[in-house]
């Protein structure tokens, strides 16, 4: 971790003080520098126990085995669902896709669309693009609606924070 010296020092200092974000950063540094995945997961677990949604997401991804670790589907689903519940956009996108495919969870298109909307509103471009296709073509249990497809198309463009904010306001009304 020498190449990340100052970041490593700051993260360790914050971690000693119990800062969840610092623990999550240490886990990411361990992964980035090729350290053992179990060590990264140890830091992520501490951060997740303190409420870090990003640490929950990272644990879920690691337990899926996509980074070379042992695949533990129940733990992966637990952590991804927890991160999605906390509003982590990538976790909501992944869980939405799982619900569409019926992978690890029961197939539920309505729940999937809700998760994709939360994810897109949180800034996940892939979720917004999936919603564009769903509303344009009438897929995943939604009626074809070009106006709604256009809204999500605008959300899929980089730098659309204002559009996302307008969608959130419209949703509250």
Protein backbone atom coordinates (compact mmCIF):
# COMPACT_ATOMS: atom_id res chain seq x y z
CA UNK A 1 0.00 0.00 0.00
CA UNK A 2 3.05 2.23 -0.29
CA UNK A 3 1.71 3.92 -3.44
CA UNK A 4 -1.29 5.09 -1.41
CA UNK A 5 0.78 6.19 1.61
CA UNK A 6 -1.13 9.29 2.68
CA UNK A 7 -4.52 7.72 1.97
CA UNK A 8 -3.50 4.61 3.88
CA UNK A 9 -2.41 6.76 6.84
CA UNK A 10 -5.61 8.82 6.85
CA UNK A 11 -7.79 5.71 6.50
CA UNK A 12 -6.03 3.91 9.32
CA UNK A 13 -6.27 6.97 11.54
CA UNK A 14 -10.01 7.28 10.85
CA UNK A 15 -10.52 3.56 11.32
CA UNK A 16 -8.91 3.72 14.78
CA UNK A 17 -11.46 6.38 15.64
CA UNK A 18 -14.28 4.09 14.46
CA UNK A 19 -15.12 5.93 11.24
CA UNK A 20 -17.03 3.55 8.92
CA UNK A 21 -15.94 5.36 5.76
CA UNK A 22 -12.29 4.90 6.73
CA UNK A 23 -12.82 1.19 7.30
CA UNK A 24 -14.47 0.92 3.89
CA UNK A 25 -11.56 2.80 2.31
CA UNK A 26 -9.08 0.43 3.97
CA UNK A 27 -10.96 -2.53 2.49
CA UNK A 28 -10.80 -0.90 -0.93
CA UNK A 29 -7.07 -0.22 -0.51
CA UNK A 30 -6.43 -3.86 0.41
CA UNK A 31 -8.30 -4.95 -2.72
CA UNK A 32 -6.61 -2.37 -4.94
CA UNK A 33 -3.13 -3.37 -3.83
CA UNK A 34 -3.75 -7.09 -4.30
CA UNK A 35 -4.09 -7.99 -0.64
CA UNK A 36 -6.06 -11.02 0.51
CA UNK A 37 -9.79 -10.67 -0.07
CA UNK A 38 -10.52 -11.95 3.44
CA UNK A 39 -8.59 -8.95 4.86
CA UNK A 40 -10.59 -6.53 2.70
CA UNK A 41 -13.80 -8.25 3.79
CA UNK A 42 -12.78 -7.86 7.43
CA UNK A 43 -12.57 -4.08 7.01
CA UNK A 44 -15.78 -4.02 4.96
CA UNK A 45 -17.59 -6.03 7.62
CA UNK A 46 -16.65 -3.60 10.38
CA UNK A 47 -17.75 -0.67 8.19
CA UNK A 48 -20.97 -2.45 7.23
CA UNK A 49 -21.76 -3.11 10.89
CA UNK A 50 -21.43 0.65 11.40
CA UNK A 51 -23.92 1.33 8.58
CA UNK A 52 -21.71 1.94 5.51
CA UNK A 53 -23.83 1.14 2.47
CA UNK A 54 -20.75 1.03 0.22
CA UNK A 55 -19.11 -1.53 2.50
CA UNK A 56 -22.30 -3.61 2.39
CA UNK A 57 -22.23 -3.48 -1.41
CA UNK A 58 -18.57 -4.48 -1.56
CA UNK A 59 -19.18 -7.41 0.79
CA UNK A 60 -22.08 -8.56 -1.38
CA UNK A 61 -19.97 -8.40 -4.55
CA UNK A 62 -17.09 -10.21 -2.89
CA UNK A 63 -19.36 -12.98 -1.59
CA UNK A 64 -20.71 -13.50 -5.11
CA UNK A 65 -17.22 -14.75 -5.91
CA UNK A 66 -16.72 -12.34 -8.78
CA UNK A 67 -13.33 -11.25 -7.43
CA UNK A 68 -11.93 -14.73 -6.93
CA UNK A 69 -13.22 -15.37 -3.42
CA UNK A 70 -15.44 -18.23 -2.33
CA UNK A 71 -19.01 -17.90 -3.61
CA UNK A 72 -21.47 -17.62 -0.73
CA UNK A 73 -24.82 -16.75 -2.26
CA UNK A 74 -26.79 -16.31 0.98
CA UNK A 75 -24.26 -13.82 2.37
CA UNK A 76 -24.00 -12.05 -0.98
CA UNK A 77 -27.76 -11.60 -1.17
CA UNK A 78 -27.94 -10.48 2.47
CA UNK A 79 -25.35 -7.73 1.99
CA UNK A 80 -26.57 -6.58 -1.42
CA UNK A 81 -30.15 -6.33 -0.13
CA UNK A 82 -28.94 -4.43 2.96
CA UNK A 83 -26.99 -1.98 0.78
CA UNK A 84 -29.99 -1.51 -1.53
CA UNK A 85 -32.22 -0.86 1.48
CA UNK A 86 -29.77 1.86 2.58
CA UNK A 87 -29.97 3.43 -0.90
CA UNK A 88 -26.72 2.28 -2.52
CA UNK A 89 -27.46 2.78 -6.27
CA UNK A 90 -25.37 -0.12 -7.61
CA UNK A 91 -26.85 -2.51 -5.06
CA UNK A 92 -30.38 -1.43 -6.02
CA UNK A 93 -29.50 -1.96 -9.70
CA UNK A 94 -28.02 -5.42 -9.04
CA UNK A 95 -30.95 -6.50 -6.86
CA UNK A 96 -33.39 -5.20 -9.47
CA UNK A 97 -31.65 -7.29 -12.13
CA UNK A 98 -31.79 -10.32 -9.83
CA UNK A 99 -35.54 -9.85 -9.43
CA UNK A 100 -35.97 -9.59 -13.21
CA UNK A 101 -34.05 -12.81 -13.81
CA UNK A 102 -35.24 -14.68 -10.73
CA UNK A 103 -31.59 -15.19 -9.77
CA UNK A 104 -31.06 -15.79 -6.02
CA UNK A 105 -34.46 -14.15 -5.38
CA UNK A 106 -37.99 -14.85 -6.60
CA UNK A 107 -38.83 -13.30 -9.96
CA UNK A 108 -40.75 -10.08 -9.27
CA UNK A 109 -40.95 -7.52 -12.06
CA UNK A 110 -42.78 -4.90 -9.99
CA UNK A 111 -40.12 -4.97 -7.27
CA UNK A 112 -37.41 -4.93 -9.96
CA UNK A 113 -38.81 -1.77 -11.57
CA UNK A 114 -39.03 -0.04 -8.17
CA UNK A 115 -35.40 -0.94 -7.43
CA UNK A 116 -34.26 0.22 -10.87
CA UNK A 117 -36.04 3.55 -10.36
CA UNK A 118 -34.34 4.04 -6.99
CA UNK A 119 -31.02 3.15 -8.54
CA UNK A 120 -31.45 5.48 -11.50
CA UNK A 121 -32.58 8.29 -9.20
CA UNK A 122 -29.38 7.68 -7.24
CA UNK A 123 -27.32 8.21 -10.38
CA UNK A 124 -26.87 4.70 -11.81
CA UNK A 125 -26.80 5.16 -15.59
CA UNK A 126 -27.25 1.44 -16.32
CA UNK A 127 -30.48 1.39 -14.32
CA UNK A 128 -31.77 4.43 -16.21
CA UNK A 129 -30.99 2.76 -19.53
CA UNK A 130 -32.84 -0.39 -18.46
CA UNK A 131 -35.86 1.77 -17.59
CA UNK A 132 -35.68 3.48 -20.98
CA UNK A 133 -35.93 0.09 -22.68
CA UNK A 134 -38.66 -1.09 -20.34
CA UNK A 135 -40.90 1.92 -20.94
CA UNK A 136 -40.08 2.23 -24.63
CA UNK A 137 -40.88 -1.42 -25.38
CA UNK A 138 -43.37 -2.20 -22.63
CA UNK A 139 -41.10 -4.79 -20.98
CA UNK A 140 -40.83 -6.10 -17.42
CA UNK A 141 -44.52 -5.68 -16.68
CA UNK A 142 -44.80 -1.96 -17.44
CA UNK A 143 -46.96 -0.44 -20.14
CA UNK A 144 -45.19 1.19 -23.07
CA UNK A 145 -44.93 4.90 -22.25
CA UNK A 146 -42.69 7.05 -24.44
CA UNK A 147 -42.96 10.05 -22.11
CA UNK A 148 -41.63 7.98 -19.20
CA UNK A 149 -38.94 6.49 -21.46
CA UNK A 150 -37.80 10.01 -22.39
CA UNK A 151 -37.59 10.99 -18.73
CA UNK A 152 -35.30 8.05 -17.97
CA UNK A 153 -33.31 8.70 -21.16
CA UNK A 154 -32.52 12.16 -19.86
CA UNK A 155 -31.48 10.62 -16.54
CA UNK A 156 -29.09 8.29 -18.34
CA UNK A 157 -27.01 11.18 -19.69
CA UNK A 158 -23.97 12.29 -17.73
CA UNK A 159 -24.51 15.35 -15.55
CA UNK A 160 -28.25 15.04 -15.09
CA UNK A 161 -28.48 15.78 -11.39
CA UNK A 162 -31.13 18.42 -12.03
CA UNK A 163 -33.28 15.93 -13.90
CA UNK A 164 -32.97 13.41 -11.11
CA UNK A 165 -33.98 16.04 -8.57
CA UNK A 166 -37.07 16.92 -10.66
CA UNK A 167 -38.01 13.22 -10.82
CA UNK A 168 -37.71 12.93 -7.04
CA UNK A 169 -39.97 15.97 -6.55
CA UNK A 170 -42.51 14.59 -9.04
CA UNK A 171 -42.48 11.24 -7.20
CA UNK A 172 -43.29 12.92 -3.86
CA UNK A 173 -46.36 14.72 -5.29
